[in-house]
Amino acid sequence: MIAVSPEKRLYIHAIRGDPISTVVEAELRECTAGIIDPLAEDFHIGRSALLARIIEDGAHVELVKRSVRLYADGKVSMWKAAMLAGVSFYEMMDEIKRQGIPLQYGVEDFESDVKTLRKFKSGI
C-alpha cells in the first residue's frame, strides 16, 4: 500500500511471504521511493521483496560498522566483533585492515592463544 503524506513522503508497507516475517512501515522521501519500482522491475522481484533485501543488506552493513567501532574502541576482541557482525574472523580482519584500524593484540589475547595452542599440541 502506498499513501502520500502531507509532507510529500510515501509510506510503504513491506510484507515478506515467509511465516517469520514482520510488517514494517517506513517513511521515505519521494526521490527515494521513486527508485523502488524501477529497481524491483530490474531485479524481476516485487516491491516488498526488494525492500526486504535493501533493509537486510543495510542492516548487515550497519552491524559490521558497529562491530568495527566496538573493536576500534577496545570494547570487544576481533573474534567478538566478527561474531556480532555475523561474519567470519577473516572477513572482520579484512574489514578492520581496510579501514586502517590498528591491530589490538594485548597480553590477554596472547595468553589465550598460547593456551589454545597448548591444547592443540597436547591433542596431537
N, C-alpha and C. Protein backbone atom coordinates (compact mmCIF):
# COMPACT_ATOMS: atom_id res chain seq x y z
N MET A 1 0.83 -1.17 0.00
CA MET A 1 0.00 0.00 0.00
C MET A 1 0.88 1.24 0.00
N ILE A 2 0.57 2.22 -0.81
CA ILE A 2 1.32 3.47 -0.85
C ILE A 2 0.33 4.61 -0.64
N ALA A 3 0.65 5.51 0.29
CA ALA A 3 -0.18 6.69 0.53
C ALA A 3 0.73 7.89 0.68
N VAL A 4 0.37 8.99 0.08
CA VAL A 4 1.19 10.19 0.16
C VAL A 4 0.82 10.96 1.42
N SER A 5 1.81 11.29 2.21
CA SER A 5 1.58 12.06 3.43
C SER A 5 1.59 13.54 3.10
N PRO A 6 1.15 14.39 4.03
CA PRO A 6 1.17 15.83 3.79
C PRO A 6 2.57 16.38 3.51
N GLU A 7 3.59 15.73 4.02
CA GLU A 7 4.96 16.20 3.80
C GLU A 7 5.51 15.71 2.46
N LYS A 8 4.69 15.17 1.61
CA LYS A 8 5.10 14.65 0.30
C LYS A 8 6.07 13.48 0.45
N ARG A 9 5.85 12.66 1.45
CA ARG A 9 6.64 11.45 1.61
C ARG A 9 5.72 10.27 1.39
N LEU A 10 6.28 9.14 1.09
CA LEU A 10 5.48 7.96 0.82
C LEU A 10 5.60 6.97 1.97
N TYR A 11 4.50 6.33 2.29
CA TYR A 11 4.52 5.25 3.27
C TYR A 11 4.48 3.95 2.49
N ILE A 12 5.38 3.08 2.77
CA ILE A 12 5.42 1.80 2.07
C ILE A 12 5.38 0.69 3.11
N HIS A 13 4.43 -0.20 2.96
CA HIS A 13 4.32 -1.35 3.84
C HIS A 13 5.00 -2.52 3.14
N ALA A 14 6.00 -3.08 3.78
CA ALA A 14 6.72 -4.21 3.20
C ALA A 14 6.31 -5.48 3.93
N ILE A 15 5.82 -6.44 3.20
CA ILE A 15 5.41 -7.71 3.78
C ILE A 15 6.10 -8.81 2.99
N ARG A 16 6.86 -9.63 3.70
CA ARG A 16 7.52 -10.76 3.04
C ARG A 16 6.64 -11.99 3.17
N GLY A 17 6.84 -12.94 2.29
CA GLY A 17 5.99 -14.11 2.24
C GLY A 17 6.28 -15.20 3.24
N ASP A 18 7.40 -15.15 3.94
CA ASP A 18 7.70 -16.25 4.85
C ASP A 18 6.99 -16.06 6.19
N PRO A 19 6.76 -17.16 6.91
CA PRO A 19 5.95 -17.10 8.13
C PRO A 19 6.61 -16.34 9.29
N ILE A 20 7.90 -16.09 9.24
CA ILE A 20 8.56 -15.39 10.34
C ILE A 20 8.80 -13.92 10.02
N SER A 21 8.12 -13.42 9.02
CA SER A 21 8.32 -12.03 8.63
C SER A 21 7.53 -11.09 9.53
N THR A 22 7.93 -9.84 9.49
CA THR A 22 7.28 -8.78 10.26
C THR A 22 6.90 -7.67 9.30
N VAL A 23 5.76 -7.08 9.51
CA VAL A 23 5.34 -5.95 8.69
C VAL A 23 6.11 -4.72 9.17
N VAL A 24 6.68 -4.00 8.21
CA VAL A 24 7.47 -2.81 8.52
C VAL A 24 6.89 -1.63 7.76
N GLU A 25 6.71 -0.53 8.43
CA GLU A 25 6.25 0.69 7.76
C GLU A 25 7.41 1.67 7.80
N ALA A 26 7.74 2.22 6.64
CA ALA A 26 8.84 3.17 6.55
C ALA A 26 8.40 4.41 5.80
N GLU A 27 8.81 5.54 6.27
CA GLU A 27 8.52 6.79 5.59
C GLU A 27 9.74 7.16 4.76
N LEU A 28 9.54 7.31 3.44
CA LEU A 28 10.64 7.60 2.53
C LEU A 28 10.41 8.92 1.83
N ARG A 29 11.48 9.60 1.51
CA ARG A 29 11.36 10.79 0.67
C ARG A 29 10.92 10.34 -0.73
N GLU A 30 10.25 11.22 -1.44
CA GLU A 30 9.76 10.86 -2.78
C GLU A 30 10.89 10.42 -3.70
N CYS A 31 12.03 11.11 -3.63
CA CYS A 31 13.13 10.75 -4.53
C CYS A 31 13.62 9.33 -4.25
N THR A 32 13.58 8.91 -2.99
CA THR A 32 13.98 7.54 -2.66
C THR A 32 12.89 6.56 -3.07
N ALA A 33 11.66 6.87 -2.74
CA ALA A 33 10.55 5.98 -3.08
C ALA A 33 10.42 5.81 -4.58
N GLY A 34 10.79 6.82 -5.33
CA GLY A 34 10.67 6.77 -6.78
C GLY A 34 11.58 5.77 -7.46
N ILE A 35 12.61 5.32 -6.77
CA ILE A 35 13.52 4.34 -7.39
C ILE A 35 13.15 2.90 -7.05
N ILE A 36 12.21 2.72 -6.12
CA ILE A 36 11.86 1.36 -5.68
C ILE A 36 11.25 0.53 -6.81
N ASP A 37 10.22 1.03 -7.46
CA ASP A 37 9.57 0.25 -8.52
C ASP A 37 10.51 -0.05 -9.69
N PRO A 38 11.27 0.92 -10.20
CA PRO A 38 12.20 0.59 -11.29
C PRO A 38 13.24 -0.46 -10.89
N LEU A 39 13.75 -0.36 -9.66
CA LEU A 39 14.71 -1.37 -9.20
C LEU A 39 14.06 -2.74 -9.10
N ALA A 40 12.86 -2.79 -8.55
CA ALA A 40 12.15 -4.06 -8.43
C ALA A 40 11.94 -4.69 -9.81
N GLU A 41 11.60 -3.87 -10.78
CA GLU A 41 11.43 -4.38 -12.15
C GLU A 41 12.75 -4.90 -12.70
N ASP A 42 13.84 -4.17 -12.47
CA ASP A 42 15.15 -4.60 -12.96
C ASP A 42 15.55 -5.96 -12.38
N PHE A 43 15.22 -6.18 -11.11
CA PHE A 43 15.58 -7.44 -10.45
C PHE A 43 14.51 -8.52 -10.63
N HIS A 44 13.41 -8.16 -11.28
CA HIS A 44 12.29 -9.09 -11.51
C HIS A 44 11.74 -9.64 -10.19
N ILE A 45 11.60 -8.74 -9.23
CA ILE A 45 11.00 -9.11 -7.95
C ILE A 45 9.99 -8.04 -7.57
N GLY A 46 9.15 -8.36 -6.61
CA GLY A 46 8.16 -7.40 -6.16
C GLY A 46 8.77 -6.31 -5.28
N ARG A 47 8.00 -5.28 -5.08
CA ARG A 47 8.44 -4.15 -4.26
C ARG A 47 8.79 -4.62 -2.83
N SER A 48 7.94 -5.44 -2.25
CA SER A 48 8.18 -5.91 -0.89
C SER A 48 9.48 -6.71 -0.79
N ALA A 49 9.70 -7.58 -1.76
CA ALA A 49 10.93 -8.37 -1.75
C ALA A 49 12.16 -7.48 -1.90
N LEU A 50 12.07 -6.47 -2.74
CA LEU A 50 13.19 -5.55 -2.91
C LEU A 50 13.45 -4.78 -1.63
N LEU A 51 12.39 -4.25 -1.01
CA LEU A 51 12.56 -3.51 0.24
C LEU A 51 13.16 -4.38 1.33
N ALA A 52 12.70 -5.63 1.40
CA ALA A 52 13.26 -6.55 2.40
C ALA A 52 14.75 -6.76 2.14
N ARG A 53 15.12 -6.94 0.87
CA ARG A 53 16.53 -7.14 0.52
C ARG A 53 17.37 -5.91 0.89
N ILE A 54 16.85 -4.74 0.57
CA ILE A 54 17.57 -3.50 0.88
C ILE A 54 17.75 -3.34 2.39
N ILE A 55 16.70 -3.61 3.15
CA ILE A 55 16.77 -3.48 4.60
C ILE A 55 17.74 -4.50 5.18
N GLU A 56 17.66 -5.75 4.71
CA GLU A 56 18.56 -6.79 5.22
C GLU A 56 20.02 -6.47 4.89
N ASP A 57 20.27 -6.03 3.66
CA ASP A 57 21.64 -5.65 3.28
C ASP A 57 22.13 -4.48 4.12
N GLY A 58 21.28 -3.49 4.29
CA GLY A 58 21.64 -2.32 5.08
C GLY A 58 21.88 -2.66 6.54
N ALA A 59 21.06 -3.56 7.08
CA ALA A 59 21.23 -3.98 8.47
C ALA A 59 22.57 -4.69 8.65
N HIS A 60 22.94 -5.51 7.67
CA HIS A 60 24.23 -6.20 7.74
C HIS A 60 25.38 -5.19 7.72
N VAL A 61 25.29 -4.21 6.84
CA VAL A 61 26.33 -3.17 6.77
C VAL A 61 26.44 -2.44 8.10
N GLU A 62 25.31 -2.11 8.70
CA GLU A 62 25.32 -1.39 9.98
C GLU A 62 25.88 -2.26 11.10
N LEU A 63 25.58 -3.56 11.08
CA LEU A 63 26.16 -4.47 12.09
C LEU A 63 27.67 -4.51 11.98
N VAL A 64 28.18 -4.57 10.76
CA VAL A 64 29.63 -4.58 10.56
C VAL A 64 30.23 -3.27 11.06
N LYS A 65 29.61 -2.14 10.71
CA LYS A 65 30.11 -0.84 11.16
C LYS A 65 30.17 -0.78 12.69
N ARG A 66 29.08 -1.21 13.32
CA ARG A 66 29.03 -1.18 14.79
C ARG A 66 30.11 -2.07 15.39
N SER A 67 30.28 -3.24 14.84
CA SER A 67 31.28 -4.18 15.36
C SER A 67 32.69 -3.65 15.19
N VAL A 68 32.97 -3.03 14.05
CA VAL A 68 34.29 -2.43 13.82
C VAL A 68 34.52 -1.30 14.81
N ARG A 69 33.50 -0.49 15.04
CA ARG A 69 33.63 0.61 16.00
C ARG A 69 33.91 0.08 17.41
N LEU A 70 33.20 -0.97 17.81
CA LEU A 70 33.43 -1.57 19.13
C LEU A 70 34.85 -2.10 19.24
N TYR A 71 35.33 -2.72 18.17
CA TYR A 71 36.71 -3.22 18.16
C TYR A 71 37.70 -2.06 18.25
N ALA A 72 37.49 -1.03 17.44
CA ALA A 72 38.40 0.13 17.42
C ALA A 72 38.44 0.82 18.78
N ASP A 73 37.31 0.81 19.49
CA ASP A 73 37.24 1.43 20.82
C ASP A 73 37.80 0.53 21.91
N GLY A 74 38.22 -0.69 21.53
CA GLY A 74 38.78 -1.62 22.50
C GLY A 74 37.75 -2.29 23.38
N LYS A 75 36.49 -2.27 22.98
CA LYS A 75 35.42 -2.84 23.79
C LYS A 75 35.22 -4.33 23.54
N VAL A 76 35.61 -4.80 22.34
CA VAL A 76 35.48 -6.21 22.02
C VAL A 76 36.72 -6.68 21.27
N SER A 77 36.96 -7.97 21.32
CA SER A 77 38.06 -8.56 20.55
C SER A 77 37.64 -8.68 19.09
N MET A 78 38.60 -9.02 18.25
CA MET A 78 38.27 -9.19 16.83
C MET A 78 37.32 -10.37 16.65
N TRP A 79 37.52 -11.43 17.43
CA TRP A 79 36.62 -12.58 17.35
C TRP A 79 35.19 -12.17 17.70
N LYS A 80 35.06 -11.41 18.80
CA LYS A 80 33.73 -10.97 19.24
C LYS A 80 33.11 -10.03 18.21
N ALA A 81 33.91 -9.14 17.64
CA ALA A 81 33.41 -8.23 16.61
C ALA A 81 32.88 -9.02 15.42
N ALA A 82 33.61 -10.04 15.01
CA ALA A 82 33.17 -10.87 13.89
C ALA A 82 31.87 -11.58 14.22
N MET A 83 31.79 -12.10 15.44
CA MET A 83 30.59 -12.81 15.86
C MET A 83 29.38 -11.86 15.88
N LEU A 84 29.56 -10.66 16.43
CA LEU A 84 28.47 -9.69 16.49
C LEU A 84 28.00 -9.27 15.11
N ALA A 85 28.94 -9.20 14.16
CA ALA A 85 28.60 -8.77 12.80
C ALA A 85 28.07 -9.91 11.94
N GLY A 86 28.21 -11.13 12.42
CA GLY A 86 27.76 -12.27 11.63
C GLY A 86 28.65 -12.58 10.44
N VAL A 87 29.96 -12.29 10.60
CA VAL A 87 30.93 -12.57 9.55
C VAL A 87 32.04 -13.44 10.12
N SER A 88 32.87 -13.99 9.24
CA SER A 88 33.98 -14.80 9.71
C SER A 88 35.06 -13.91 10.32
N PHE A 89 35.93 -14.53 11.09
CA PHE A 89 37.06 -13.81 11.68
C PHE A 89 37.89 -13.15 10.59
N TYR A 90 38.10 -13.87 9.50
CA TYR A 90 38.94 -13.36 8.42
C TYR A 90 38.27 -12.19 7.68
N GLU A 91 36.95 -12.26 7.54
CA GLU A 91 36.24 -11.13 6.93
C GLU A 91 36.35 -9.88 7.82
N MET A 92 36.23 -10.08 9.13
CA MET A 92 36.36 -8.95 10.05
C MET A 92 37.79 -8.41 10.02
N MET A 93 38.76 -9.29 9.98
CA MET A 93 40.15 -8.86 9.92
C MET A 93 40.39 -8.03 8.66
N ASP A 94 39.85 -8.47 7.53
CA ASP A 94 39.98 -7.72 6.27
C ASP A 94 39.33 -6.35 6.37
N GLU A 95 38.14 -6.29 6.98
CA GLU A 95 37.43 -5.01 7.11
C GLU A 95 38.20 -4.05 8.02
N ILE A 96 38.72 -4.56 9.11
CA ILE A 96 39.49 -3.73 10.03
C ILE A 96 40.75 -3.21 9.34
N LYS A 97 41.39 -4.08 8.59
CA LYS A 97 42.59 -3.67 7.84
C LYS A 97 42.22 -2.64 6.78
N ARG A 98 41.11 -2.86 6.06
CA ARG A 98 40.66 -1.95 5.01
C ARG A 98 40.41 -0.55 5.56
N GLN A 99 39.91 -0.49 6.78
CA GLN A 99 39.61 0.80 7.40
C GLN A 99 40.83 1.42 8.09
N GLY A 100 41.95 0.71 8.05
CA GLY A 100 43.18 1.26 8.63
C GLY A 100 43.20 1.30 10.14
N ILE A 101 42.43 0.44 10.76
CA ILE A 101 42.38 0.39 12.22
C ILE A 101 43.53 -0.49 12.71
N PRO A 102 44.33 0.02 13.65
CA PRO A 102 45.47 -0.76 14.13
C PRO A 102 45.02 -2.05 14.83
N LEU A 103 45.81 -3.08 14.67
CA LEU A 103 45.55 -4.36 15.32
C LEU A 103 45.67 -4.19 16.82
N GLN A 104 44.69 -4.69 17.55
CA GLN A 104 44.71 -4.63 19.01
C GLN A 104 44.94 -6.04 19.52
N TYR A 105 46.16 -6.30 19.91
CA TYR A 105 46.52 -7.64 20.36
C TYR A 105 47.24 -7.49 21.69
N GLY A 106 46.51 -7.67 22.76
CA GLY A 106 47.06 -7.46 24.09
C GLY A 106 47.57 -8.73 24.72
N VAL A 107 48.02 -8.58 25.94
CA VAL A 107 48.57 -9.70 26.71
C VAL A 107 47.53 -10.79 26.89
N GLU A 108 46.29 -10.41 27.19
CA GLU A 108 45.23 -11.40 27.38
C GLU A 108 44.99 -12.21 26.10
N ASP A 109 45.02 -11.54 24.95
CA ASP A 109 44.86 -12.24 23.68
C ASP A 109 45.99 -13.23 23.47
N PHE A 110 47.21 -12.79 23.76
CA PHE A 110 48.39 -13.65 23.60
C PHE A 110 48.28 -14.87 24.51
N GLU A 111 47.95 -14.65 25.78
CA GLU A 111 47.84 -15.76 26.73
C GLU A 111 46.74 -16.74 26.31
N SER A 112 45.64 -16.21 25.81
CA SER A 112 44.56 -17.07 25.33
C SER A 112 45.02 -17.90 24.13
N ASP A 113 45.76 -17.29 23.22
CA ASP A 113 46.26 -18.02 22.05
C ASP A 113 47.26 -19.09 22.46
N VAL A 114 48.13 -18.78 23.41
CA VAL A 114 49.10 -19.77 23.90
C VAL A 114 48.37 -20.95 24.52
N LYS A 115 47.35 -20.67 25.32
CA LYS A 115 46.57 -21.73 25.95
C LYS A 115 45.92 -22.62 24.88
N THR A 116 45.36 -22.00 23.86
CA THR A 116 44.73 -22.75 22.77
C THR A 116 45.75 -23.61 22.04
N LEU A 117 46.91 -23.04 21.75
CA LEU A 117 47.97 -23.80 21.07
C LEU A 117 48.42 -24.99 21.90
N ARG A 118 48.52 -24.81 23.20
CA ARG A 118 48.92 -25.93 24.08
C ARG A 118 47.89 -27.04 24.06
N LYS A 119 46.60 -26.67 24.01
CA LYS A 119 45.55 -27.69 23.92
C LYS A 119 45.68 -28.48 22.64
N PHE A 120 45.90 -27.77 21.51
CA PHE A 120 46.05 -28.46 20.23
C PHE A 120 47.29 -29.34 20.23
N LYS A 121 48.38 -28.85 20.80
CA LYS A 121 49.63 -29.61 20.82
C LYS A 121 49.47 -30.88 21.64
N SER A 122 48.79 -30.80 22.77
CA SER A 122 48.62 -31.97 23.62
C SER A 122 47.70 -33.00 22.98
N GLY A 123 46.84 -32.55 22.08
CA GLY A 123 45.92 -33.46 21.40
C GLY A 123 46.54 -34.16 20.21
N ILE A 124 47.73 -33.72 19.79
CA ILE A 124 48.37 -34.30 18.60
C ILE A 124 49.22 -35.47 18.98
